[in-house]
């Protein structure tokens, strides 16, 4: 698939000049604000991310925080696999997007109940968060995805070494965190 068709979901808890430079090189970028504290420094980082996103008309989402979604008029919410809450329809605006995270069939079913529009399937590649036997890799990812009737986003372990394998997946979006944090000559390889 042509790289211009991928949507990119980038998890951020802070922002700096390097991250800004790397993000602006991507097309169809979305930011997931990955903070979960009300500490002053974290709230300042959150505000800077929102400001950056609004100035560049980048859609942004909050992780598991319905109240912040409403307060800052975000484009949607990211619901991790541990979150089982159902969003009340009265809280939703017309184009409010719900993104879920799943690792298995049980979590997939839960995310369907939560009315997710997009599901991030993780972990695709190895990363320090998961043991080797939990990694899906391309074959297991594609097998799992073909039975799921929802838009799927690849997530987990995406870096310069694994990025070319993304083309083997039948997906329209990819999510990452560390990939955007590192200085690169050309971060836009997908």
C-alpha atoms as a PDB file:
ATOM      1  CA  UNK A   1       0.000   0.000   0.000  1.00  0.00           C
ATOM      2  CA  UNK A   2       1.222   3.492  -0.816  1.00  0.00           C
ATOM      3  CA  UNK A   3       2.574   5.309   2.232  1.00  0.00           C
ATOM      4  CA  UNK A   4       0.365   8.328   1.559  1.00  0.00           C
ATOM      5  CA  UNK A   5      -2.727   6.295   2.441  1.00  0.00           C
ATOM      6  CA  UNK A   6      -1.625   5.342   5.952  1.00  0.00           C
ATOM      7  CA  UNK A   7      -3.015   7.215   8.908  1.00  0.00           C
ATOM      8  CA  UNK A   8      -0.452   7.648  11.654  1.00  0.00           C
ATOM      9  CA  UNK A   9      -1.450   7.562  15.334  1.00  0.00           C
ATOM     10  CA  UNK A  10       1.327   8.939  17.501  1.00  0.00           C
ATOM     11  CA  UNK A  11       1.324   8.516  21.290  1.00  0.00           C
ATOM     12  CA  UNK A  12       2.755  11.567  23.068  1.00  0.00           C
ATOM     13  CA  UNK A  13       3.199  12.557  26.698  1.00  0.00           C
ATOM     14  CA  UNK A  14       5.566  15.433  25.928  1.00  0.00           C
ATOM     15  CA  UNK A  15       6.574  17.528  22.954  1.00  0.00           C
ATOM     16  CA  UNK A  16       9.795  19.198  21.861  1.00  0.00           C
ATOM     17  CA  UNK A  17      11.393  20.566  18.686  1.00  0.00           C
ATOM     18  CA  UNK A  18      12.578  17.151  17.467  1.00  0.00           C
ATOM     19  CA  UNK A  19       9.140  15.587  17.926  1.00  0.00           C
ATOM     20  CA  UNK A  20       7.461  18.558  16.222  1.00  0.00           C
ATOM     21  CA  UNK A  21       9.843  18.298  13.271  1.00  0.00           C
ATOM     22  CA  UNK A  22       9.305  14.537  12.925  1.00  0.00           C
ATOM     23  CA  UNK A  23       5.511  14.797  13.222  1.00  0.00           C
ATOM     24  CA  UNK A  24       5.184  17.505  10.574  1.00  0.00           C
ATOM     25  CA  UNK A  25       6.848  15.208   8.036  1.00  0.00           C
ATOM     26  CA  UNK A  26       3.934  12.759   8.219  1.00  0.00           C
ATOM     27  CA  UNK A  27       0.697  12.975   6.269  1.00  0.00           C
ATOM     28  CA  UNK A  28      -2.618  12.069   7.925  1.00  0.00           C
ATOM     29  CA  UNK A  29      -1.235  12.246  11.438  1.00  0.00           C
ATOM     30  CA  UNK A  30      -3.291  11.943  14.633  1.00  0.00           C
ATOM     31  CA  UNK A  31      -2.026  12.494  18.169  1.00  0.00           C
ATOM     32  CA  UNK A  32      -3.031  10.413  21.175  1.00  0.00           C
ATOM     33  CA  UNK A  33      -2.249  12.311  24.367  1.00  0.00           C
ATOM     34  CA  UNK A  34      -0.856   9.613  26.606  1.00  0.00           C
ATOM     35  CA  UNK A  35      -0.982  11.325  30.002  1.00  0.00           C
ATOM     36  CA  UNK A  36      -2.919  10.267  33.070  1.00  0.00           C
ATOM     37  CA  UNK A  37      -2.039  12.662  35.845  1.00  0.00           C
ATOM     38  CA  UNK A  38      -2.993  16.109  37.046  1.00  0.00           C
ATOM     39  CA  UNK A  39       0.515  17.093  38.090  1.00  0.00           C
ATOM     40  CA  UNK A  40       1.437  20.610  37.002  1.00  0.00           C
ATOM     41  CA  UNK A  41       4.299  19.573  34.681  1.00  0.00           C
ATOM     42  CA  UNK A  42       2.177  16.915  32.986  1.00  0.00           C
ATOM     43  CA  UNK A  43      -0.711  19.342  32.489  1.00  0.00           C
ATOM     44  CA  UNK A  44       1.710  21.852  30.945  1.00  0.00           C
ATOM     45  CA  UNK A  45       2.958  19.187  28.511  1.00  0.00           C
ATOM     46  CA  UNK A  46      -0.623  18.254  27.721  1.00  0.00           C
ATOM     47  CA  UNK A  47      -1.472  21.886  26.962  1.00  0.00           C
ATOM     48  CA  UNK A  48       1.577  22.226  24.659  1.00  0.00           C
ATOM     49  CA  UNK A  49       0.546  19.103  22.740  1.00  0.00           C
ATOM     50  CA  UNK A  50      -3.020  20.401  22.337  1.00  0.00           C
ATOM     51  CA  UNK A  51      -1.714  23.789  21.192  1.00  0.00           C
ATOM     52  CA  UNK A  52       0.624  22.141  18.671  1.00  0.00           C
ATOM     53  CA  UNK A  53      -2.202  19.946  17.333  1.00  0.00           C
ATOM     54  CA  UNK A  54      -4.685  22.804  17.014  1.00  0.00           C
ATOM     55  CA  UNK A  55      -2.216  25.126  15.294  1.00  0.00           C
ATOM     56  CA  UNK A  56      -1.563  22.465  12.663  1.00  0.00           C
ATOM     57  CA  UNK A  57      -5.151  21.150  12.532  1.00  0.00           C
ATOM     58  CA  UNK A  58      -4.044  17.711  13.686  1.00  0.00           C
ATOM     59  CA  UNK A  59      -6.785  15.560  15.243  1.00  0.00           C
ATOM     60  CA  UNK A  60      -6.034  14.697  18.859  1.00  0.00           C
ATOM     61  CA  UNK A  61      -7.373  12.122  21.291  1.00  0.00           C
ATOM     62  CA  UNK A  62      -7.056  11.581  25.027  1.00  0.00           C
ATOM     63  CA  UNK A  63      -6.233   8.229  26.560  1.00  0.00           C
ATOM     64  CA  UNK A  64      -9.074   6.983  28.805  1.00  0.00           C
ATOM     65  CA  UNK A  65     -10.164  10.463  29.912  1.00  0.00           C
ATOM     66  CA  UNK A  66     -13.733  11.315  28.898  1.00  0.00           C
ATOM     67  CA  UNK A  67     -13.734  14.553  30.899  1.00  0.00           C
ATOM     68  CA  UNK A  68     -10.683  15.948  29.099  1.00  0.00           C
ATOM     69  CA  UNK A  69     -12.194  14.942  25.762  1.00  0.00           C
ATOM     70  CA  UNK A  70     -15.194  17.118  26.526  1.00  0.00           C
ATOM     71  CA  UNK A  71     -13.214  19.946  28.167  1.00  0.00           C
ATOM     72  CA  UNK A  72     -10.777  20.331  25.262  1.00  0.00           C
ATOM     73  CA  UNK A  73     -13.217  19.325  22.514  1.00  0.00           C
ATOM     74  CA  UNK A  74     -10.965  16.524  21.286  1.00  0.00           C
ATOM     75  CA  UNK A  75     -11.649  14.544  18.127  1.00  0.00           C
ATOM     76  CA  UNK A  76     -12.126  11.362  20.119  1.00  0.00           C
ATOM     77  CA  UNK A  77     -10.845   9.048  22.789  1.00  0.00           C
ATOM     78  CA  UNK A  78      -8.361   6.182  22.951  1.00  0.00           C
ATOM     79  CA  UNK A  79      -9.561   3.358  25.195  1.00  0.00           C
ATOM     80  CA  UNK A  80      -6.829   0.953  26.298  1.00  0.00           C
ATOM     81  CA  UNK A  81      -7.437  -2.757  26.775  1.00  0.00           C
ATOM     82  CA  UNK A  82      -7.923  -2.465  30.547  1.00  0.00           C
ATOM     83  CA  UNK A  83     -10.705   0.131  30.227  1.00  0.00           C
ATOM     84  CA  UNK A  84     -14.129  -1.562  30.191  1.00  0.00           C
ATOM     85  CA  UNK A  85     -16.322   1.549  30.504  1.00  0.00           C
ATOM     86  CA  UNK A  86     -19.029   2.218  27.937  1.00  0.00           C
ATOM     87  CA  UNK A  87     -19.175   5.793  26.676  1.00  0.00           C
ATOM     88  CA  UNK A  88     -22.533   7.468  27.181  1.00  0.00           C
ATOM     89  CA  UNK A  89     -24.021   8.528  23.832  1.00  0.00           C
ATOM     90  CA  UNK A  90     -24.924  11.947  25.258  1.00  0.00           C
ATOM     91  CA  UNK A  91     -21.189  12.704  25.587  1.00  0.00           C
ATOM     92  CA  UNK A  92     -20.475  12.128  21.935  1.00  0.00           C
ATOM     93  CA  UNK A  93     -20.368  14.817  19.298  1.00  0.00           C
ATOM     94  CA  UNK A  94     -21.186  13.932  15.726  1.00  0.00           C
ATOM     95  CA  UNK A  95     -17.653  13.106  14.567  1.00  0.00           C
ATOM     96  CA  UNK A  96     -16.312  11.803  17.883  1.00  0.00           C
ATOM     97  CA  UNK A  97     -14.055   8.808  17.173  1.00  0.00           C
ATOM     98  CA  UNK A  98     -13.498   5.950  19.598  1.00  0.00           C
ATOM     99  CA  UNK A  99     -10.224   4.069  19.238  1.00  0.00           C
ATOM    100  CA  UNK A 100      -9.701   0.856  21.171  1.00  0.00           C
ATOM    101  CA  UNK A 101      -6.740  -1.367  21.951  1.00  0.00           C
ATOM    102  CA  UNK A 102      -6.951  -5.158  21.907  1.00  0.00           C
ATOM    103  CA  UNK A 103      -4.518  -8.036  22.236  1.00  0.00           C
ATOM    104  CA  UNK A 104      -6.937 -10.971  21.906  1.00  0.00           C
ATOM    105  CA  UNK A 105     -10.471 -12.065  20.973  1.00  0.00           C
ATOM    106  CA  UNK A 106     -11.947 -11.276  24.402  1.00  0.00           C
ATOM    107  CA  UNK A 107     -10.674  -7.695  24.300  1.00  0.00           C
ATOM    108  CA  UNK A 108     -11.876  -7.393  20.684  1.00  0.00           C
ATOM    109  CA  UNK A 109     -15.418  -8.300  21.788  1.00  0.00           C
ATOM    110  CA  UNK A 110     -15.245  -5.746  24.609  1.00  0.00           C
ATOM    111  CA  UNK A 111     -14.140  -3.011  22.199  1.00  0.00           C
ATOM    112  CA  UNK A 112     -17.068  -3.777  19.897  1.00  0.00           C
ATOM    113  CA  UNK A 113     -19.414  -3.269  22.867  1.00  0.00           C
ATOM    114  CA  UNK A 114     -17.690   0.063  23.483  1.00  0.00           C
ATOM    115  CA  UNK A 115     -18.569   1.086  19.892  1.00  0.00           C
ATOM    116  CA  UNK A 116     -14.975   1.566  18.741  1.00  0.00           C
ATOM    117  CA  UNK A 117     -14.498   2.930  15.218  1.00  0.00           C
ATOM    118  CA  UNK A 118     -10.890   1.742  15.006  1.00  0.00           C
ATOM    119  CA  UNK A 119      -9.081  -1.020  16.827  1.00  0.00           C
ATOM    120  CA  UNK A 120      -5.351  -1.084  17.467  1.00  0.00           C
ATOM    121  CA  UNK A 121      -4.054  -4.634  17.466  1.00  0.00           C
ATOM    122  CA  UNK A 122      -0.927  -5.101  19.535  1.00  0.00           C
ATOM    123  CA  UNK A 123       1.862  -6.131  19.866  1.00  0.00           C
ATOM    124  CA  UNK A 124       2.835  -6.518  16.230  1.00  0.00           C
ATOM    125  CA  UNK A 125       6.609  -6.647  16.712  1.00  0.00           C
ATOM    126  CA  UNK A 126       8.885  -7.217  19.670  1.00  0.00           C
ATOM    127  CA  UNK A 127       9.219  -4.464  22.262  1.00  0.00           C
ATOM    128  CA  UNK A 128      10.315  -4.458  25.885  1.00  0.00           C
ATOM    129  CA  UNK A 129       6.736  -4.285  27.149  1.00  0.00           C
ATOM    130  CA  UNK A 130       5.810  -7.821  26.018  1.00  0.00           C
ATOM    131  CA  UNK A 131       7.438 -11.232  26.173  1.00  0.00           C
ATOM    132  CA  UNK A 132       8.501 -12.898  22.942  1.00  0.00           C
ATOM    133  CA  UNK A 133       5.575 -15.370  22.985  1.00  0.00           C
ATOM    134  CA  UNK A 134       3.001 -12.524  22.981  1.00  0.00           C
ATOM    135  CA  UNK A 135       4.339 -10.983  19.767  1.00  0.00           C
ATOM    136  CA  UNK A 136       2.035 -11.429  16.771  1.00  0.00           C
ATOM    137  CA  UNK A 137       4.388 -10.749  13.847  1.00  0.00           C
ATOM    138  CA  UNK A 138       2.973 -10.429  10.338  1.00  0.00           C
ATOM    139  CA  UNK A 139       1.381 -13.880   9.903  1.00  0.00           C
ATOM    140  CA  UNK A 140      -0.536 -13.997  13.214  1.00  0.00           C
ATOM    141  CA  UNK A 141      -1.540 -10.348  12.819  1.00  0.00           C
ATOM    142  CA  UNK A 142      -3.042 -10.954   9.364  1.00  0.00           C
ATOM    143  CA  UNK A 143      -4.812 -14.141  10.515  1.00  0.00           C
ATOM    144  CA  UNK A 144      -6.362 -12.389  13.487  1.00  0.00           C
ATOM    145  CA  UNK A 145      -7.316  -9.316  11.476  1.00  0.00           C
ATOM    146  CA  UNK A 146      -9.152 -11.205   8.744  1.00  0.00           C
ATOM    147  CA  UNK A 147     -11.812 -12.388  11.235  1.00  0.00           C
ATOM    148  CA  UNK A 148     -12.335  -8.986  12.817  1.00  0.00           C
ATOM    149  CA  UNK A 149     -14.957  -6.738  11.258  1.00  0.00           C
ATOM    150  CA  UNK A 150     -13.527  -3.368  12.183  1.00  0.00           C
ATOM    151  CA  UNK A 151     -10.773  -1.095  10.877  1.00  0.00           C
ATOM    152  CA  UNK A 152      -7.464  -2.296  12.309  1.00  0.00           C
ATOM    153  CA  UNK A 153      -4.358  -0.289  13.145  1.00  0.00           C
ATOM    154  CA  UNK A 154      -0.978  -1.971  13.679  1.00  0.00           C
ATOM    155  CA  UNK A 155       0.721  -1.101  16.977  1.00  0.00           C
ATOM    156  CA  UNK A 156       3.779  -2.235  18.897  1.00  0.00           C
ATOM    157  CA  UNK A 157       7.485  -2.454  18.190  1.00  0.00           C
ATOM    158  CA  UNK A 158       7.459  -0.306  15.070  1.00  0.00           C
ATOM    159  CA  UNK A 159      10.933   1.059  14.451  1.00  0.00           C
ATOM    160  CA  UNK A 160      13.458   1.526  11.647  1.00  0.00           C
ATOM    161  CA  UNK A 161      14.174  -2.217  11.548  1.00  0.00           C
ATOM    162  CA  UNK A 162      10.526  -3.338  11.326  1.00  0.00           C
ATOM    163  CA  UNK A 163       8.935  -0.520   9.353  1.00  0.00           C
ATOM    164  CA  UNK A 164       9.251  -2.179   5.941  1.00  0.00           C
ATOM    165  CA  UNK A 165       7.229  -5.187   7.150  1.00  0.00           C
ATOM    166  CA  UNK A 166       4.190  -2.921   7.590  1.00  0.00           C
ATOM    167  CA  UNK A 167       3.632  -3.172   3.841  1.00  0.00           C
ATOM    168  CA  UNK A 168       2.866  -6.898   4.305  1.00  0.00           C
ATOM    169  CA  UNK A 169      -0.221  -6.029   6.366  1.00  0.00           C
ATOM    170  CA  UNK A 170      -3.584  -5.161   4.901  1.00  0.00           C
ATOM    171  CA  UNK A 171      -4.118  -2.047   7.023  1.00  0.00           C
ATOM    172  CA  UNK A 172      -4.753   1.654   6.539  1.00  0.00           C
ATOM    173  CA  UNK A 173      -3.217   2.949   9.768  1.00  0.00           C
ATOM    174  CA  UNK A 174      -0.258   2.444  12.028  1.00  0.00           C
ATOM    175  CA  UNK A 175       0.412   3.607  15.599  1.00  0.00           C
ATOM    176  CA  UNK A 176       3.697   4.195  17.367  1.00  0.00           C
ATOM    177  CA  UNK A 177       5.462   6.071  20.129  1.00  0.00           C
ATOM    178  CA  UNK A 178       9.206   5.600  20.232  1.00  0.00           C
ATOM    179  CA  UNK A 179       9.573   5.794  16.457  1.00  0.00           C
ATOM    180  CA  UNK A 180       8.732   9.512  16.543  1.00  0.00           C
ATOM    181  CA  UNK A 181      10.995  10.266  19.507  1.00  0.00           C
ATOM    182  CA  UNK A 182      14.261   9.354  17.796  1.00  0.00           C
ATOM    183  CA  UNK A 183      16.166  11.640  15.445  1.00  0.00           C
ATOM    184  CA  UNK A 184      16.067  10.273  11.927  1.00  0.00           C
ATOM    185  CA  UNK A 185      17.253  11.362   8.541  1.00  0.00           C
ATOM    186  CA  UNK A 186      13.866  10.429   7.133  1.00  0.00           C
ATOM    187  CA  UNK A 187      11.151   9.366   9.579  1.00  0.00           C
ATOM    188  CA  UNK A 188       8.607   9.220   6.769  1.00  0.00           C
ATOM    189  CA  UNK A 189       9.350   5.711   5.623  1.00  0.00           C
ATOM    190  CA  UNK A 190       5.718   4.628   5.880  1.00  0.00           C
END
